[in-house]
Protein backbone atom coordinates (compact mmCIF):
# COMPACT_ATOMS: atom_id res chain seq x y z
CA UNK A 1 -18.28 22.15 -16.42
CA UNK A 2 -17.42 23.50 -12.98
CA UNK A 3 -15.27 26.52 -12.30
CA UNK A 4 -11.54 25.75 -12.36
CA UNK A 5 -9.84 26.65 -9.10
CA UNK A 6 -6.15 27.42 -8.97
CA UNK A 7 -5.54 24.17 -7.10
CA UNK A 8 -3.29 21.12 -7.20
CA UNK A 9 -4.03 17.44 -6.64
CA UNK A 10 -1.70 15.55 -4.32
CA UNK A 11 -1.24 11.94 -5.44
CA UNK A 12 0.22 9.54 -2.89
CA UNK A 13 0.99 6.49 -5.03
CA UNK A 14 1.63 4.08 -2.14
CA UNK A 15 2.29 0.41 -3.09
CA UNK A 16 1.76 1.11 -6.81
CA UNK A 17 4.86 -0.91 -7.70
CA UNK A 18 3.19 -4.13 -6.58
CA UNK A 19 0.45 -4.92 -9.06
CA UNK A 20 -0.17 -8.61 -9.78
CA UNK A 21 -3.06 -8.75 -12.23
CA UNK A 22 -3.82 -6.71 -15.31
CA UNK A 23 -1.91 -3.81 -16.79
CA UNK A 24 -0.30 -1.21 -14.51
CA UNK A 25 -2.66 1.63 -13.66
CA UNK A 26 -1.13 4.91 -14.83
CA UNK A 27 -0.66 7.56 -12.18
CA UNK A 28 -2.70 10.76 -12.28
CA UNK A 29 0.58 12.66 -12.66
CA UNK A 30 1.38 10.73 -15.84
CA UNK A 31 -2.05 11.55 -17.34
CA UNK A 32 -2.02 15.16 -16.09
CA UNK A 33 -2.06 17.41 -19.16
CA UNK A 34 -2.68 20.55 -17.10
CA UNK A 35 0.37 19.93 -14.88
CA UNK A 36 -1.65 20.25 -11.65
CA UNK A 37 -0.63 17.00 -9.88
CA UNK A 38 2.02 16.73 -7.16
CA UNK A 39 3.18 13.12 -7.01
CA UNK A 40 4.49 11.50 -3.82
CA UNK A 41 6.29 8.15 -3.58
CA UNK A 42 8.40 6.27 -1.06
CA UNK A 43 11.02 3.55 -0.91
CA UNK A 44 9.69 2.25 2.43
CA UNK A 45 7.85 -0.70 0.89
CA UNK A 46 10.08 -1.32 -2.12
CA UNK A 47 13.40 -1.29 -0.25
CA UNK A 48 13.22 -0.95 3.53
CA UNK A 49 11.34 1.32 5.96
CA UNK A 50 14.47 2.30 7.92
CA UNK A 51 15.86 3.98 4.78
CA UNK A 52 13.18 6.67 5.32
CA UNK A 53 13.53 8.13 1.84
CA UNK A 54 10.51 9.48 0.04
CA UNK A 55 10.29 11.60 -3.06
CA UNK A 56 8.06 14.14 -4.72
CA UNK A 57 7.61 14.97 -8.39
CA UNK A 58 6.45 18.53 -8.89
CA UNK A 59 4.95 20.32 -11.88
CA UNK A 60 7.61 22.57 -13.42
CA UNK A 61 5.66 25.66 -12.30
CA UNK A 62 6.34 24.79 -8.62
CA UNK A 63 10.03 23.87 -8.79
CA UNK A 64 11.43 27.39 -8.24
CA UNK A 65 9.15 28.03 -5.24
CA UNK A 66 10.00 24.64 -3.77
CA UNK A 67 13.74 25.26 -4.15
CA UNK A 68 13.39 28.52 -2.22
CA UNK A 69 11.42 26.77 0.53
CA UNK A 70 13.70 23.71 0.61
CA UNK A 71 16.86 25.81 0.85
CA UNK A 72 15.88 26.72 4.44
CA UNK A 73 15.05 23.12 5.43
CA UNK A 74 17.40 20.66 7.09
CA UNK A 75 17.32 17.19 5.56
CA UNK A 76 16.91 14.34 8.05
CA UNK A 77 17.96 11.77 5.44
CA UNK A 78 21.62 10.83 5.10
CA UNK A 79 23.17 12.35 1.98
CA UNK A 80 25.30 9.21 1.59
CA UNK A 81 22.16 7.02 1.53
CA UNK A 82 20.55 9.33 -1.03
CA UNK A 83 23.62 9.11 -3.29
CA UNK A 84 23.85 5.32 -2.94
CA UNK A 85 20.14 5.01 -3.79
CA UNK A 86 20.55 7.28 -6.82
CA UNK A 87 23.43 5.10 -8.03
CA UNK A 88 21.40 1.93 -7.37
CA UNK A 89 18.58 3.31 -9.55
CA UNK A 90 20.92 4.61 -12.29
CA UNK A 91 22.59 1.18 -12.64
CA UNK A 92 19.20 -0.51 -13.16
CA UNK A 93 19.47 -2.46 -9.90
CA UNK A 94 16.26 -0.99 -8.49
CA UNK A 95 14.21 -2.30 -11.44
CA UNK A 96 15.75 -5.78 -10.97
CA UNK A 97 14.99 -5.65 -7.26
CA UNK A 98 11.36 -4.65 -7.93
CA UNK A 99 10.89 -7.56 -10.36
CA UNK A 100 12.22 -9.98 -7.73
CA UNK A 101 10.02 -8.52 -4.98
CA UNK A 102 6.91 -8.69 -7.19
CA UNK A 103 7.53 -12.42 -7.54
CA UNK A 104 8.00 -12.84 -3.76
CA UNK A 105 4.87 -10.86 -2.89
CA UNK A 106 2.81 -12.54 -5.63
CA UNK A 107 3.60 -15.92 -4.01
CA UNK A 108 2.67 -14.59 -0.57
CA UNK A 109 -0.56 -13.13 -1.87
CA UNK A 110 -1.46 -16.38 -3.61
CA UNK A 111 -0.76 -18.26 -0.37
CA UNK A 112 -3.07 -15.84 1.44
CA UNK A 113 -5.88 -16.23 -1.09
CA UNK A 114 -5.51 -20.02 -1.06
CA UNK A 115 -5.58 -20.09 2.75
CA UNK A 116 -8.71 -17.93 2.81
CA UNK A 117 -10.53 -20.12 0.29
CA UNK A 118 -9.45 -23.22 2.26
CA UNK A 119 -10.35 -22.03 5.76
CA UNK A 120 -13.21 -19.58 5.22
CA UNK A 121 -16.70 -20.03 3.79
CA UNK A 122 -17.91 -18.04 0.78
CA UNK A 123 -19.66 -15.49 2.99
CA UNK A 124 -16.19 -13.96 3.57
CA UNK A 125 -15.33 -11.97 0.44
CA UNK A 126 -11.98 -10.63 -0.82
CA UNK A 127 -11.57 -7.10 -2.18
CA UNK A 128 -8.48 -5.41 -3.65
CA UNK A 129 -6.35 -8.43 -4.45
CA UNK A 130 -4.88 -7.04 -7.67
CA UNK A 131 -2.13 -4.97 -6.06
CA UNK A 132 -0.43 -3.86 -2.88
CA UNK A 133 0.76 -5.76 0.18
CA UNK A 134 -2.63 -6.21 1.79
CA UNK A 135 -6.16 -7.25 0.94
CA UNK A 136 -9.54 -6.21 2.28
CA UNK A 137 -11.87 -8.88 3.61
CA UNK A 138 -15.61 -8.23 3.72
CA UNK A 139 -17.03 -9.98 6.76
CA UNK A 140 -20.58 -11.24 7.28
CA UNK A 141 -22.97 -8.85 9.06
CA UNK A 142 -22.90 -10.90 12.28
CA UNK A 143 -19.31 -9.69 12.88
CA UNK A 144 -18.68 -6.04 13.70
CA UNK A 145 -15.35 -4.45 12.87
CA UNK A 146 -14.57 -3.92 16.55
CA UNK A 147 -15.49 -7.50 17.47
CA UNK A 148 -13.46 -8.97 14.58
CA UNK A 149 -10.37 -6.97 15.61
CA UNK A 150 -10.74 -7.97 19.27
CA UNK A 151 -11.15 -11.67 18.40
CA UNK A 152 -8.03 -11.50 16.22
CA UNK A 153 -6.03 -9.76 18.97
CA UNK A 154 -6.98 -12.49 21.47
CA UNK A 155 -5.23 -15.07 19.26
CA UNK A 156 -2.23 -12.81 18.63
CA UNK A 157 -3.11 -11.58 15.14
CA UNK A 158 -3.12 -7.91 14.19
CA UNK A 159 -5.66 -6.85 11.57
CA UNK A 160 -6.66 -3.32 10.68
CA UNK A 161 -9.97 -1.45 10.45
CA UNK A 162 -11.24 -0.03 7.18
CA UNK A 163 -13.66 2.36 8.87
CA UNK A 164 -10.88 4.91 9.41
CA UNK A 165 -10.57 5.25 5.62
CA UNK A 166 -14.19 6.34 5.17
CA UNK A 167 -15.32 9.89 5.75
CA UNK A 168 -18.96 8.93 6.35
CA UNK A 169 -18.55 5.27 7.26
CA UNK A 170 -19.72 2.18 5.42
CA UNK A 171 -22.49 -0.35 6.00
CA UNK A 172 -20.12 -3.25 5.31
CA UNK A 173 -17.71 -4.77 7.83
CA UNK A 174 -14.32 -4.51 6.15
CA UNK A 175 -10.98 -5.59 7.61
CA UNK A 176 -7.47 -5.07 6.18
CA UNK A 177 -5.14 -8.09 6.18
CA UNK A 178 -1.46 -7.38 5.50
CA UNK A 179 0.92 -10.09 4.34
CA UNK A 180 4.16 -8.42 3.21
CA UNK A 181 6.26 -9.28 6.26
CA UNK A 182 4.94 -12.82 6.82
CA UNK A 183 6.29 -16.19 5.74
CA UNK A 184 4.10 -18.58 3.73
CA UNK A 185 3.70 -20.76 6.81
CA UNK A 186 2.71 -17.79 9.00
CA UNK A 187 0.11 -16.79 6.42
CA UNK A 188 -1.55 -20.21 6.38
CA UNK A 189 -1.42 -20.63 10.16
CA UNK A 190 -2.72 -17.10 10.76
CA UNK A 191 -5.66 -17.49 8.39
CA UNK A 192 -6.57 -20.85 9.97
CA UNK A 193 -6.56 -19.19 13.39
CA UNK A 194 -8.66 -16.26 12.17
CA UNK A 195 -11.17 -18.66 10.65
CA UNK A 196 -11.44 -20.49 13.98
CA UNK A 197 -12.58 -17.33 15.78
CA UNK A 198 -14.45 -15.47 13.01
CA UNK A 199 -16.59 -18.28 11.56
């Protein structure tokens, strides 16, 4: 066993609320028996981005130091919005909202997967469809990431590179497709257009 350093793990649990298949994956912070995980979350995807409220769950050993540090900081988030959000959570309304949004996003994701299977051949593979508000599509070797993004932009569709998420790169051509802010019709039409330029 390696030497234990006096270090902490930062867990950014982005999009964890939207899981569509299988049991929820527990956070590292929940499993952390040594109390060495600092957990970050946000309400940007679950409520609305303009709220700009995030949160952090600290191990008890860091709370006093954080309070000293935070005392000198000026909050850029409205105190009224924080209090309203706290009340919204305390009344159980946030849990109800999440259940409703899971249903909405599950339908959008299913529409996306159906559109892909309808418009694309089997050489285009889907990765990461169990959770979140995006999927990863593995493209055939004839398409480079740069070329795929440029072709999509020419038809007015914004897709995202996966290469920026790899420290040493990857041999596969992987593209991120988001669907959270799209209608069911936009999803189908967008995938049909992508298929027309990528296949």
